[in-house]
Amino acid sequence: MADDGAMDKMKGKAKEMTGKATGDRRKESEGKTDQTKGKAKSTMDDAGDRAKGMKDSLKHDDS
């Protein structure tokens, strides 16, 4: 599965840098927002993976 959070962070960074280079504060702000959204997605994915791992390990303990 592709890491959507990482993709959002990369797109956001590019948008932020473009905004800075052109003096477009709105584009820069959108880029920062996209990066934050990407970080949140990555955090949620990591938490989901950890929860799945815990569930799987509990299954094996009951055997």
PDB file of N, CA and C in Angstrom:
ATOM      1  N   MET A   1       0.838  -1.181   0.000  1.00  0.00           N
ATOM      2  CA  MET A   1       0.000   0.000   0.000  1.00  0.00           C
ATOM      3  C   MET A   1       0.887   1.250   0.000  1.00  0.00           C
ATOM      4  N   ALA A   2       0.559   2.181  -0.855  1.00  0.00           N
ATOM      5  CA  ALA A   2       1.326   3.428  -0.934  1.00  0.00           C
ATOM      6  C   ALA A   2       1.026   4.291   0.284  1.00  0.00           C
ATOM      7  N   ASP A   3       2.021   5.025   0.703  1.00  0.00           N
ATOM      8  CA  ASP A   3       1.855   5.903   1.854  1.00  0.00           C
ATOM      9  C   ASP A   3       1.291   7.241   1.376  1.00  0.00           C
ATOM     10  N   ASP A   4      -0.036   7.392   1.495  1.00  0.00           N
ATOM     11  CA  ASP A   4      -0.694   8.625   1.067  1.00  0.00           C
ATOM     12  C   ASP A   4      -0.186   9.824   1.855  1.00  0.00           C
ATOM     13  N   GLY A   5       0.158   9.618   3.100  1.00  0.00           N
ATOM     14  CA  GLY A   5       0.671  10.706   3.928  1.00  0.00           C
ATOM     15  C   GLY A   5       1.974  11.257   3.385  1.00  0.00           C
ATOM     16  N   ALA A   6       2.860  10.369   2.968  1.00  0.00           N
ATOM     17  CA  ALA A   6       4.146  10.809   2.412  1.00  0.00           C
ATOM     18  C   ALA A   6       3.929  11.575   1.113  1.00  0.00           C
ATOM     19  N   MET A   7       2.977  11.130   0.313  1.00  0.00           N
ATOM     20  CA  MET A   7       2.680  11.813  -0.948  1.00  0.00           C
ATOM     21  C   MET A   7       2.143  13.215  -0.672  1.00  0.00           C
ATOM     22  N   ASP A   8       1.251  13.343   0.289  1.00  0.00           N
ATOM     23  CA  ASP A   8       0.709  14.658   0.649  1.00  0.00           C
ATOM     24  C   ASP A   8       1.813  15.580   1.162  1.00  0.00           C
ATOM     25  N   LYS A   9       2.729  15.021   1.950  1.00  0.00           N
ATOM     26  CA  LYS A   9       3.832  15.828   2.473  1.00  0.00           C
ATOM     27  C   LYS A   9       4.721  16.329   1.341  1.00  0.00           C
ATOM     28  N   MET A  10       5.017  15.463   0.368  1.00  0.00           N
ATOM     29  CA  MET A  10       5.868  15.873  -0.753  1.00  0.00           C
ATOM     30  C   MET A  10       5.174  16.937  -1.617  1.00  0.00           C
ATOM     31  N   LYS A  11       3.897  16.699  -1.924  1.00  0.00           N
ATOM     32  CA  LYS A  11       3.156  17.680  -2.724  1.00  0.00           C
ATOM     33  C   LYS A  11       3.048  19.001  -1.979  1.00  0.00           C
ATOM     34  N   GLY A  12       2.817  18.926  -0.683  1.00  0.00           N
ATOM     35  CA  GLY A  12       2.710  20.130   0.122  1.00  0.00           C
ATOM     36  C   GLY A  12       4.000  20.917   0.152  1.00  0.00           C
ATOM     37  N   LYS A  13       5.121  20.212   0.264  1.00  0.00           N
ATOM     38  CA  LYS A  13       6.426  20.880   0.283  1.00  0.00           C
ATOM     39  C   LYS A  13       6.680  21.580  -1.048  1.00  0.00           C
ATOM     40  N   ALA A  14       6.334  20.903  -2.141  1.00  0.00           N
ATOM     41  CA  ALA A  14       6.509  21.507  -3.469  1.00  0.00           C
ATOM     42  C   ALA A  14       5.635  22.750  -3.610  1.00  0.00           C
ATOM     43  N   LYS A  15       4.400  22.647  -3.136  1.00  0.00           N
ATOM     44  CA  LYS A  15       3.477  23.781  -3.214  1.00  0.00           C
ATOM     45  C   LYS A  15       3.982  24.950  -2.368  1.00  0.00           C
ATOM     46  N   GLU A  16       4.467  24.629  -1.173  1.00  0.00           N
ATOM     47  CA  GLU A  16       4.997  25.665  -0.284  1.00  0.00           C
ATOM     48  C   GLU A  16       6.181  26.380  -0.938  1.00  0.00           C
ATOM     49  N   MET A  17       7.106  25.606  -1.500  1.00  0.00           N
ATOM     50  CA  MET A  17       8.296  26.189  -2.130  1.00  0.00           C
ATOM     51  C   MET A  17       7.912  27.028  -3.351  1.00  0.00           C
ATOM     52  N   THR A  18       6.942  26.566  -4.123  1.00  0.00           N
ATOM     53  CA  THR A  18       6.467  27.337  -5.271  1.00  0.00           C
ATOM     54  C   THR A  18       5.862  28.651  -4.802  1.00  0.00           C
ATOM     55  N   GLY A  19       5.061  28.583  -3.759  1.00  0.00           N
ATOM     56  CA  GLY A  19       4.457  29.788  -3.197  1.00  0.00           C
ATOM     57  C   GLY A  19       5.499  30.782  -2.713  1.00  0.00           C
ATOM     58  N   LYS A  20       6.531  30.263  -2.043  1.00  0.00           N
ATOM     59  CA  LYS A  20       7.604  31.144  -1.564  1.00  0.00           C
ATOM     60  C   LYS A  20       8.340  31.792  -2.739  1.00  0.00           C
ATOM     61  N   ALA A  21       8.621  30.993  -3.761  1.00  0.00           N
ATOM     62  CA  ALA A  21       9.385  31.492  -4.910  1.00  0.00           C
ATOM     63  C   ALA A  21       8.623  32.550  -5.698  1.00  0.00           C
ATOM     64  N   THR A  22       7.293  32.405  -5.748  1.00  0.00           N
ATOM     65  CA  THR A  22       6.488  33.339  -6.542  1.00  0.00           C
ATOM     66  C   THR A  22       5.849  34.435  -5.703  1.00  0.00           C
ATOM     67  N   GLY A  23       6.013  34.352  -4.389  1.00  0.00           N
ATOM     68  CA  GLY A  23       5.400  35.346  -3.509  1.00  0.00           C
ATOM     69  C   GLY A  23       3.905  35.124  -3.317  1.00  0.00           C
ATOM     70  N   ASP A  24       3.451  33.908  -3.624  1.00  0.00           N
ATOM     71  CA  ASP A  24       2.024  33.565  -3.492  1.00  0.00           C
ATOM     72  C   ASP A  24       1.800  32.982  -2.097  1.00  0.00           C
ATOM     73  N   ARG A  25       1.367  33.829  -1.185  1.00  0.00           N
ATOM     74  CA  ARG A  25       1.183  33.395   0.210  1.00  0.00           C
ATOM     75  C   ARG A  25       0.094  32.332   0.342  1.00  0.00           C
ATOM     76  N   ARG A  26      -0.924  32.428  -0.497  1.00  0.00           N
ATOM     77  CA  ARG A  26      -2.001  31.433  -0.434  1.00  0.00           C
ATOM     78  C   ARG A  26      -1.462  30.044  -0.805  1.00  0.00           C
ATOM     79  N   LYS A  27      -0.685  29.963  -1.878  1.00  0.00           N
ATOM     80  CA  LYS A  27      -0.098  28.689  -2.311  1.00  0.00           C
ATOM     81  C   LYS A  27       0.843  28.149  -1.233  1.00  0.00           C
ATOM     82  N   GLU A  28       1.621  29.039  -0.635  1.00  0.00           N
ATOM     83  CA  GLU A  28       2.529  28.649   0.442  1.00  0.00           C
ATOM     84  C   GLU A  28       1.745  28.071   1.622  1.00  0.00           C
ATOM     85  N   SER A  29       0.662  28.732   1.971  1.00  0.00           N
ATOM     86  CA  SER A  29      -0.184  28.269   3.082  1.00  0.00           C
ATOM     87  C   SER A  29      -0.835  26.932   2.756  1.00  0.00           C
ATOM     88  N   GLU A  30      -1.307  26.775   1.521  1.00  0.00           N
ATOM     89  CA  GLU A  30      -1.902  25.498   1.102  1.00  0.00           C
ATOM     90  C   GLU A  30      -0.871  24.377   1.221  1.00  0.00           C
ATOM     91  N   GLY A  31       0.360  24.683   0.853  1.00  0.00           N
ATOM     92  CA  GLY A  31       1.421  23.682   0.958  1.00  0.00           C
ATOM     93  C   GLY A  31       1.659  23.254   2.391  1.00  0.00           C
ATOM     94  N   LYS A  32       1.680  24.199   3.289  1.00  0.00           N
ATOM     95  CA  LYS A  32       1.869  23.872   4.708  1.00  0.00           C
ATOM     96  C   LYS A  32       0.699  23.044   5.228  1.00  0.00           C
ATOM     97  N   THR A  33      -0.506  23.386   4.773  1.00  0.00           N
ATOM     98  CA  THR A  33      -1.698  22.620   5.181  1.00  0.00           C
ATOM     99  C   THR A  33      -1.612  21.193   4.654  1.00  0.00           C
ATOM    100  N   ASP A  34      -1.206  21.040   3.398  1.00  0.00           N
ATOM    101  CA  ASP A  34      -1.064  19.702   2.819  1.00  0.00           C
ATOM    102  C   ASP A  34      -0.037  18.876   3.582  1.00  0.00           C
ATOM    103  N   GLN A  35       1.058  19.517   3.993  1.00  0.00           N
ATOM    104  CA  GLN A  35       2.082  18.795   4.757  1.00  0.00           C
ATOM    105  C   GLN A  35       1.533  18.318   6.095  1.00  0.00           C
ATOM    106  N   THR A  36       0.767  19.171   6.749  1.00  0.00           N
ATOM    107  CA  THR A  36       0.174  18.804   8.033  1.00  0.00           C
ATOM    108  C   THR A  36      -0.812  17.651   7.853  1.00  0.00           C
ATOM    109  N   LYS A  37      -1.599  17.727   6.782  1.00  0.00           N
ATOM    110  CA  LYS A  37      -2.549  16.649   6.482  1.00  0.00           C
ATOM    111  C   LYS A  37      -1.797  15.345   6.240  1.00  0.00           C
ATOM    112  N   GLY A  38      -0.688  15.421   5.526  1.00  0.00           N
ATOM    113  CA  GLY A  38       0.121  14.231   5.267  1.00  0.00           C
ATOM    114  C   GLY A  38       0.687  13.632   6.540  1.00  0.00           C
ATOM    115  N   LYS A  39       1.156  14.483   7.446  1.00  0.00           N
ATOM    116  CA  LYS A  39       1.676  13.997   8.726  1.00  0.00           C
ATOM    117  C   LYS A  39       0.581  13.296   9.519  1.00  0.00           C
ATOM    118  N   ALA A  40      -0.623  13.866   9.490  1.00  0.00           N
ATOM    119  CA  ALA A  40      -1.747  13.259  10.211  1.00  0.00           C
ATOM    120  C   ALA A  40      -2.094  11.892   9.615  1.00  0.00           C
ATOM    121  N   LYS A  41      -2.113  11.808   8.292  1.00  0.00           N
ATOM    122  CA  LYS A  41      -2.417  10.522   7.640  1.00  0.00           C
ATOM    123  C   LYS A  41      -1.372   9.474   8.008  1.00  0.00           C
ATOM    124  N   SER A  42      -0.106   9.860   7.980  1.00  0.00           N
ATOM    125  CA  SER A  42       0.961   8.920   8.318  1.00  0.00           C
ATOM    126  C   SER A  42       0.832   8.444   9.764  1.00  0.00           C
ATOM    127  N   THR A  43       0.513   9.356  10.653  1.00  0.00           N
ATOM    128  CA  THR A  43       0.342   9.007  12.062  1.00  0.00           C
ATOM    129  C   THR A  43      -0.817   8.026  12.234  1.00  0.00           C
ATOM    130  N   MET A  44      -1.908   8.288  11.549  1.00  0.00           N
ATOM    131  CA  MET A  44      -3.074   7.393  11.644  1.00  0.00           C
ATOM    132  C   MET A  44      -2.756   6.017  11.054  1.00  0.00           C
ATOM    133  N   ASP A  45      -2.034   5.990   9.933  1.00  0.00           N
ATOM    134  CA  ASP A  45      -1.639   4.710   9.334  1.00  0.00           C
ATOM    135  C   ASP A  45      -0.750   3.925  10.282  1.00  0.00           C
ATOM    136  N   ASP A  46       0.207   4.613  10.916  1.00  0.00           N
ATOM    137  CA  ASP A  46       1.105   3.951  11.865  1.00  0.00           C
ATOM    138  C   ASP A  46       0.324   3.385  13.046  1.00  0.00           C
ATOM    139  N   ALA A  47      -0.625   4.158  13.552  1.00  0.00           N
ATOM    140  CA  ALA A  47      -1.435   3.699  14.690  1.00  0.00           C
ATOM    141  C   ALA A  47      -2.259   2.484  14.291  1.00  0.00           C
ATOM    142  N   GLY A  48      -2.805   2.515  13.088  1.00  0.00           N
ATOM    143  CA  GLY A  48      -3.587   1.373  12.600  1.00  0.00           C
ATOM    144  C   GLY A  48      -2.736   0.131  12.453  1.00  0.00           C
ATOM    145  N   ASP A  49      -1.520   0.303  11.939  1.00  0.00           N
ATOM    146  CA  ASP A  49      -0.607  -0.827  11.792  1.00  0.00           C
ATOM    147  C   ASP A  49      -0.239  -1.408  13.145  1.00  0.00           C
ATOM    148  N   ARG A  50       0.012  -0.523  14.126  1.00  0.00           N
ATOM    149  CA  ARG A  50       0.359  -1.003  15.471  1.00  0.00           C
ATOM    150  C   ARG A  50      -0.812  -1.759  16.092  1.00  0.00           C
ATOM    151  N   ALA A  51      -2.017  -1.241  15.909  1.00  0.00           N
ATOM    152  CA  ALA A  51      -3.196  -1.900  16.463  1.00  0.00           C
ATOM    153  C   ALA A  51      -3.393  -3.268  15.825  1.00  0.00           C
ATOM    154  N   LYS A  52      -3.187  -3.359  14.515  1.00  0.00           N
ATOM    155  CA  LYS A  52      -3.314  -4.641  13.820  1.00  0.00           C
ATOM    156  C   LYS A  52      -2.267  -5.619  14.335  1.00  0.00           C
ATOM    157  N   GLY A  53      -1.045  -5.116  14.534  1.00  0.00           N
ATOM    158  CA  GLY A  53       0.017  -5.971  15.054  1.00  0.00           C
ATOM    159  C   GLY A  53      -0.299  -6.492  16.446  1.00  0.00           C
ATOM    160  N   MET A  54      -0.873  -5.631  17.266  1.00  0.00           N
ATOM    161  CA  MET A  54      -1.255  -6.064  18.615  1.00  0.00           C
ATOM    162  C   MET A  54      -2.359  -7.101  18.547  1.00  0.00           C
ATOM    163  N   LYS A  55      -3.323  -6.883  17.674  1.00  0.00           N
ATOM    164  CA  LYS A  55      -4.429  -7.833  17.518  1.00  0.00           C
ATOM    165  C   LYS A  55      -3.893  -9.189  17.067  1.00  0.00           C
ATOM    166  N   ASP A  56      -2.980  -9.168  16.084  1.00  0.00           N
ATOM    167  CA  ASP A  56      -2.394 -10.406  15.585  1.00  0.00           C
ATOM    168  C   ASP A  56      -1.592 -11.127  16.665  1.00  0.00           C
ATOM    169  N   SER A  57      -0.854 -10.371  17.478  1.00  0.00           N
ATOM    170  CA  SER A  57      -0.053 -11.014  18.515  1.00  0.00           C
ATOM    171  C   SER A  57      -0.946 -11.605  19.601  1.00  0.00           C
ATOM    172  N   LEU A  58      -2.078 -10.979  19.857  1.00  0.00           N
ATOM    173  CA  LEU A  58      -3.007 -11.530  20.849  1.00  0.00           C
ATOM    174  C   LEU A  58      -3.646 -12.808  20.329  1.00  0.00           C
ATOM    175  N   LYS A  59      -3.905 -12.879  19.041  1.00  0.00           N
ATOM    176  CA  LYS A  59      -4.458 -14.086  18.433  1.00  0.00           C
ATOM    177  C   LYS A  59      -3.509 -15.269  18.649  1.00  0.00           C
ATOM    178  N   HIS A  60      -2.209 -15.012  18.449  1.00  0.00           N
ATOM    179  CA  HIS A  60      -1.222 -16.075  18.583  1.00  0.00           C
ATOM    180  C   HIS A  60      -1.045 -16.503  20.028  1.00  0.00           C
ATOM    181  N   ASP A  61      -1.265 -15.613  20.982  1.00  0.00           N
ATOM    182  CA  ASP A  61      -1.138 -15.947  22.395  1.00  0.00           C
ATOM    183  C   ASP A  61      -2.262 -16.871  22.852  1.00  0.00           C
ATOM    184  N   ASP A  62      -3.443 -16.752  22.222  1.00  0.00           N
ATOM    185  CA  ASP A  62      -4.585 -17.560  22.625  1.00  0.00           C
ATOM    186  C   ASP A  62      -4.505 -18.985  22.115  1.00  0.00           C
ATOM    187  N   SER A  63      -3.658 -19.280  21.160  1.00  0.00           N
ATOM    188  CA  SER A  63      -3.592 -20.593  20.526  1.00  0.00           C
ATOM    189  C   SER A  63      -3.130 -21.668  21.455  1.00  0.00           C
TER     190      SER A  63
END
